[in-house]
Amino acid sequence: MTKLRVEVRKEFNDKPVERASVIVRFVEGRSVVKLGKKIMTSYQLKTNQEGVAMIPPIPQGKIQIQIIAKGLQTFGQIFDVAEEEKTVEIKLKDPQPQHSVHQ
């Protein structure tokens, strides 16, 4: 099991992103069944004022992290986690300008 800490910051000024939605999902890895009890493999929470979300223990292996924050680009990536404690730092970018093919 891994205790995961996710830190979300803005890429352009390195400021913490408060109240960003953090979705963490266990994708694959070690057994999810332990002593007959199913372990939680998916969490959805928000970052605090420091841009940090603490994830309760999750099985080690491939873990997908998605970040959704108002006014910033959505982030999604799969991380391979083998440590008992891990901090993942994520930098969110400004949204890209929209382009139209219609004149």
N, C-alpha and C. Protein backbone atom coordinates (compact mmCIF):
# COMPACT_ATOMS: atom_id res chain seq x y z
N MET A 1 0.84 -1.19 0.00
CA MET A 1 0.00 0.00 0.00
C MET A 1 0.88 1.25 0.00
N THR A 2 0.38 2.29 -0.64
CA THR A 2 1.12 3.54 -0.76
C THR A 2 0.28 4.69 -0.25
N LYS A 3 0.89 5.56 0.56
CA LYS A 3 0.25 6.82 0.93
C LYS A 3 0.71 7.84 -0.09
N LEU A 4 -0.24 8.40 -0.83
CA LEU A 4 0.08 9.28 -1.94
C LEU A 4 -0.24 10.72 -1.57
N ARG A 5 0.68 11.61 -1.91
CA ARG A 5 0.48 13.05 -1.70
C ARG A 5 0.59 13.70 -3.08
N VAL A 6 -0.44 14.41 -3.49
CA VAL A 6 -0.45 15.06 -4.80
C VAL A 6 -0.39 16.57 -4.58
N GLU A 7 0.64 17.21 -5.17
CA GLU A 7 0.78 18.66 -5.08
C GLU A 7 0.48 19.25 -6.45
N VAL A 8 -0.47 20.19 -6.48
CA VAL A 8 -0.89 20.80 -7.75
C VAL A 8 -0.51 22.28 -7.72
N ARG A 9 0.26 22.70 -8.74
CA ARG A 9 0.70 24.09 -8.84
C ARG A 9 0.47 24.61 -10.26
N LYS A 10 0.42 25.93 -10.39
CA LYS A 10 0.32 26.55 -11.72
C LYS A 10 1.70 26.58 -12.33
N GLU A 11 1.79 26.24 -13.61
CA GLU A 11 3.10 26.18 -14.26
C GLU A 11 3.74 27.56 -14.41
N PHE A 12 2.93 28.57 -14.73
CA PHE A 12 3.52 29.87 -15.06
C PHE A 12 4.01 30.66 -13.86
N ASN A 13 3.44 30.44 -12.65
CA ASN A 13 3.91 31.21 -11.49
C ASN A 13 4.20 30.34 -10.27
N ASP A 14 4.07 29.04 -10.41
CA ASP A 14 4.37 28.07 -9.35
C ASP A 14 3.51 28.24 -8.10
N LYS A 15 2.35 28.89 -8.24
CA LYS A 15 1.46 29.06 -7.09
C LYS A 15 0.60 27.81 -6.92
N PRO A 16 0.24 27.46 -5.67
CA PRO A 16 -0.62 26.30 -5.45
C PRO A 16 -2.01 26.51 -6.06
N VAL A 17 -2.61 25.41 -6.52
CA VAL A 17 -3.96 25.46 -7.08
C VAL A 17 -4.91 24.92 -6.02
N GLU A 18 -5.74 25.82 -5.49
CA GLU A 18 -6.68 25.46 -4.43
C GLU A 18 -7.97 24.92 -5.02
N ARG A 19 -8.57 23.95 -4.35
CA ARG A 19 -9.86 23.35 -4.73
C ARG A 19 -9.86 22.70 -6.11
N ALA A 20 -8.72 22.21 -6.56
CA ALA A 20 -8.67 21.45 -7.81
C ALA A 20 -9.20 20.04 -7.52
N SER A 21 -9.96 19.48 -8.46
CA SER A 21 -10.44 18.11 -8.30
C SER A 21 -9.31 17.14 -8.62
N VAL A 22 -9.04 16.22 -7.70
CA VAL A 22 -8.01 15.22 -7.90
C VAL A 22 -8.70 13.86 -7.92
N ILE A 23 -8.56 13.15 -9.05
CA ILE A 23 -9.16 11.82 -9.18
C ILE A 23 -8.01 10.83 -9.31
N VAL A 24 -7.95 9.89 -8.37
CA VAL A 24 -6.88 8.89 -8.35
C VAL A 24 -7.52 7.52 -8.50
N ARG A 25 -7.03 6.75 -9.48
CA ARG A 25 -7.59 5.42 -9.72
C ARG A 25 -6.48 4.41 -9.85
N PHE A 26 -6.59 3.32 -9.10
CA PHE A 26 -5.66 2.21 -9.22
C PHE A 26 -5.96 1.50 -10.53
N VAL A 27 -4.95 1.34 -11.40
CA VAL A 27 -5.17 0.75 -12.72
C VAL A 27 -4.79 -0.73 -12.72
N GLU A 28 -3.53 -1.02 -12.35
CA GLU A 28 -3.13 -2.43 -12.29
C GLU A 28 -1.91 -2.57 -11.40
N GLY A 29 -1.71 -3.78 -10.90
CA GLY A 29 -0.56 -4.00 -10.03
C GLY A 29 -0.82 -5.18 -9.12
N ARG A 30 -0.41 -5.00 -7.88
CA ARG A 30 -0.57 -6.07 -6.92
C ARG A 30 -2.04 -6.35 -6.63
N SER A 31 -2.28 -7.47 -5.96
CA SER A 31 -3.66 -7.89 -5.67
C SER A 31 -4.43 -6.83 -4.90
N VAL A 32 -5.69 -6.62 -5.29
CA VAL A 32 -6.53 -5.63 -4.61
C VAL A 32 -7.33 -6.27 -3.48
N VAL A 33 -7.34 -7.58 -3.39
CA VAL A 33 -8.09 -8.24 -2.33
C VAL A 33 -7.12 -8.67 -1.24
N LYS A 34 -7.40 -8.24 -0.01
CA LYS A 34 -6.51 -8.54 1.11
C LYS A 34 -7.37 -9.00 2.28
N LEU A 35 -7.12 -10.17 2.79
CA LEU A 35 -7.87 -10.73 3.92
C LEU A 35 -9.37 -10.72 3.68
N GLY A 36 -9.76 -10.97 2.44
CA GLY A 36 -11.18 -11.06 2.12
C GLY A 36 -11.89 -9.73 1.99
N LYS A 37 -11.17 -8.61 2.24
CA LYS A 37 -11.81 -7.30 2.14
C LYS A 37 -11.35 -6.61 0.85
N LYS A 38 -12.27 -5.99 0.17
CA LYS A 38 -11.89 -5.24 -1.03
C LYS A 38 -11.35 -3.89 -0.58
N ILE A 39 -10.22 -3.51 -1.12
CA ILE A 39 -9.58 -2.25 -0.77
C ILE A 39 -10.07 -1.16 -1.71
N MET A 40 -10.24 0.05 -1.19
CA MET A 40 -10.64 1.18 -2.05
C MET A 40 -9.57 1.40 -3.12
N THR A 41 -9.99 1.48 -4.36
CA THR A 41 -9.02 1.65 -5.44
C THR A 41 -9.27 2.92 -6.24
N SER A 42 -10.18 3.77 -5.77
CA SER A 42 -10.49 4.99 -6.48
C SER A 42 -10.87 6.07 -5.48
N TYR A 43 -10.31 7.26 -5.66
CA TYR A 43 -10.62 8.37 -4.76
C TYR A 43 -10.85 9.62 -5.59
N GLN A 44 -11.73 10.49 -5.08
CA GLN A 44 -11.94 11.79 -5.70
C GLN A 44 -11.98 12.81 -4.58
N LEU A 45 -11.03 13.75 -4.59
CA LEU A 45 -11.01 14.76 -3.55
C LEU A 45 -10.52 16.08 -4.11
N LYS A 46 -10.46 17.09 -3.25
CA LYS A 46 -10.03 18.43 -3.68
C LYS A 46 -8.74 18.81 -2.96
N THR A 47 -7.95 19.67 -3.63
CA THR A 47 -6.72 20.15 -3.00
C THR A 47 -7.07 21.19 -1.93
N ASN A 48 -6.16 21.32 -0.94
CA ASN A 48 -6.34 22.32 0.11
C ASN A 48 -5.73 23.66 -0.33
N GLN A 49 -5.58 24.61 0.60
CA GLN A 49 -5.06 25.94 0.25
C GLN A 49 -3.63 25.89 -0.25
N GLU A 50 -2.88 24.87 0.15
CA GLU A 50 -1.49 24.73 -0.32
C GLU A 50 -1.42 23.94 -1.64
N GLY A 51 -2.58 23.58 -2.21
CA GLY A 51 -2.59 22.83 -3.45
C GLY A 51 -2.26 21.36 -3.25
N VAL A 52 -2.48 20.84 -2.04
CA VAL A 52 -2.11 19.46 -1.71
C VAL A 52 -3.36 18.61 -1.46
N ALA A 53 -3.33 17.39 -2.00
CA ALA A 53 -4.38 16.40 -1.71
C ALA A 53 -3.68 15.16 -1.16
N MET A 54 -4.12 14.68 -0.01
CA MET A 54 -3.56 13.47 0.60
C MET A 54 -4.49 12.30 0.29
N ILE A 55 -3.96 11.29 -0.39
CA ILE A 55 -4.75 10.14 -0.78
C ILE A 55 -4.58 9.06 0.28
N PRO A 56 -5.68 8.48 0.79
CA PRO A 56 -5.55 7.36 1.73
C PRO A 56 -4.80 6.21 1.07
N PRO A 57 -4.28 5.25 1.87
CA PRO A 57 -3.49 4.15 1.28
C PRO A 57 -4.19 3.49 0.09
N ILE A 58 -3.43 3.33 -0.98
CA ILE A 58 -3.93 2.75 -2.23
C ILE A 58 -2.93 1.67 -2.65
N PRO A 59 -3.36 0.60 -3.31
CA PRO A 59 -2.42 -0.47 -3.70
C PRO A 59 -1.30 0.06 -4.59
N GLN A 60 -0.12 -0.56 -4.47
CA GLN A 60 1.01 -0.16 -5.32
C GLN A 60 0.83 -0.73 -6.72
N GLY A 61 1.40 -0.03 -7.69
CA GLY A 61 1.29 -0.44 -9.08
C GLY A 61 1.05 0.77 -9.95
N LYS A 62 0.30 0.58 -11.02
CA LYS A 62 -0.01 1.70 -11.92
C LYS A 62 -1.23 2.46 -11.38
N ILE A 63 -1.04 3.77 -11.19
CA ILE A 63 -2.10 4.61 -10.65
C ILE A 63 -2.32 5.78 -11.60
N GLN A 64 -3.58 5.98 -11.99
CA GLN A 64 -3.92 7.10 -12.87
C GLN A 64 -4.32 8.29 -12.02
N ILE A 65 -3.71 9.45 -12.34
CA ILE A 65 -4.05 10.68 -11.63
C ILE A 65 -4.61 11.67 -12.65
N GLN A 66 -5.80 12.21 -12.33
CA GLN A 66 -6.42 13.24 -13.17
C GLN A 66 -6.63 14.47 -12.30
N ILE A 67 -6.35 15.65 -12.87
CA ILE A 67 -6.56 16.90 -12.15
C ILE A 67 -7.44 17.79 -13.01
N ILE A 68 -8.50 18.32 -12.39
CA ILE A 68 -9.38 19.25 -13.10
C ILE A 68 -9.47 20.51 -12.24
N ALA A 69 -9.06 21.65 -12.81
CA ALA A 69 -9.11 22.91 -12.08
C ALA A 69 -9.70 23.99 -12.99
N LYS A 70 -10.54 24.81 -12.41
CA LYS A 70 -11.20 25.86 -13.17
C LYS A 70 -10.15 26.83 -13.74
N GLY A 71 -10.26 27.11 -15.04
CA GLY A 71 -9.37 28.07 -15.67
C GLY A 71 -7.99 27.53 -16.04
N LEU A 72 -7.78 26.22 -15.88
CA LEU A 72 -6.48 25.62 -16.22
C LEU A 72 -6.72 24.36 -17.05
N GLN A 73 -5.68 23.92 -17.77
CA GLN A 73 -5.80 22.70 -18.58
C GLN A 73 -5.97 21.48 -17.67
N THR A 74 -6.78 20.54 -18.12
CA THR A 74 -6.95 19.28 -17.40
C THR A 74 -5.70 18.43 -17.58
N PHE A 75 -5.32 17.71 -16.51
CA PHE A 75 -4.12 16.88 -16.54
C PHE A 75 -4.52 15.43 -16.30
N GLY A 76 -3.87 14.51 -16.99
CA GLY A 76 -4.11 13.09 -16.77
C GLY A 76 -2.87 12.30 -17.13
N GLN A 77 -2.43 11.43 -16.21
CA GLN A 77 -1.24 10.62 -16.48
C GLN A 77 -1.24 9.40 -15.57
N ILE A 78 -0.57 8.34 -16.05
CA ILE A 78 -0.45 7.12 -15.24
C ILE A 78 0.95 7.09 -14.63
N PHE A 79 1.01 6.85 -13.33
CA PHE A 79 2.27 6.78 -12.60
C PHE A 79 2.47 5.36 -12.09
N ASP A 80 3.71 4.90 -12.07
CA ASP A 80 4.04 3.60 -11.50
C ASP A 80 4.53 3.83 -10.08
N VAL A 81 3.81 3.33 -9.09
CA VAL A 81 4.12 3.61 -7.69
C VAL A 81 4.54 2.32 -6.99
N ALA A 82 5.75 2.32 -6.41
CA ALA A 82 6.24 1.15 -5.69
C ALA A 82 6.66 1.49 -4.26
N GLU A 83 6.67 2.78 -3.92
CA GLU A 83 7.09 3.20 -2.58
C GLU A 83 5.93 3.16 -1.59
N GLU A 84 6.26 3.20 -0.29
CA GLU A 84 5.21 3.24 0.73
C GLU A 84 4.63 4.64 0.85
N GLU A 85 5.46 5.65 0.56
CA GLU A 85 4.98 7.03 0.55
C GLU A 85 5.54 7.70 -0.69
N LYS A 86 4.69 8.44 -1.38
CA LYS A 86 5.15 9.09 -2.61
C LYS A 86 4.47 10.45 -2.74
N THR A 87 5.26 11.45 -3.19
CA THR A 87 4.72 12.77 -3.50
C THR A 87 4.81 12.97 -5.00
N VAL A 88 3.69 13.33 -5.60
CA VAL A 88 3.65 13.59 -7.04
C VAL A 88 3.37 15.08 -7.22
N GLU A 89 4.29 15.78 -7.90
CA GLU A 89 4.09 17.20 -8.18
C GLU A 89 3.56 17.36 -9.60
N ILE A 90 2.48 18.11 -9.72
CA ILE A 90 1.85 18.31 -11.02
C ILE A 90 1.73 19.80 -11.28
N LYS A 91 2.18 20.22 -12.45
CA LYS A 91 2.10 21.63 -12.85
C LYS A 91 1.02 21.76 -13.93
N LEU A 92 0.02 22.58 -13.66
CA LEU A 92 -1.07 22.78 -14.62
C LEU A 92 -0.78 24.01 -15.48
N LYS A 93 -1.12 23.88 -16.76
CA LYS A 93 -0.88 24.95 -17.72
C LYS A 93 -2.14 25.78 -17.92
N ASP A 94 -1.94 27.00 -18.43
CA ASP A 94 -3.07 27.82 -18.84
C ASP A 94 -3.77 27.15 -20.00
N PRO A 95 -5.07 27.40 -20.18
CA PRO A 95 -5.75 26.80 -21.33
C PRO A 95 -5.19 27.35 -22.64
N GLN A 96 -5.21 26.53 -23.65
CA GLN A 96 -4.74 26.95 -24.97
C GLN A 96 -5.84 27.77 -25.64
N PRO A 97 -5.45 28.78 -26.45
CA PRO A 97 -6.50 29.53 -27.15
C PRO A 97 -7.22 28.61 -28.14
N GLN A 98 -8.50 28.85 -28.31
CA GLN A 98 -9.27 28.01 -29.24
C GLN A 98 -9.05 28.49 -30.66
N HIS A 99 -8.96 27.53 -31.57
CA HIS A 99 -8.79 27.84 -32.98
C HIS A 99 -10.03 27.37 -33.73
N SER A 100 -10.40 28.13 -34.73
CA SER A 100 -11.55 27.74 -35.55
C SER A 100 -11.10 27.53 -36.99
N VAL A 101 -11.62 26.50 -37.61
CA VAL A 101 -11.30 26.25 -39.02
C VAL A 101 -12.28 27.01 -39.93
N HIS A 102 -13.35 27.53 -39.33
CA HIS A 102 -14.36 28.26 -40.11
C HIS A 102 -13.98 29.73 -40.18
N GLN A 103 -14.13 30.29 -41.36
CA GLN A 103 -13.81 31.72 -41.53
C GLN A 103 -15.06 32.55 -41.53
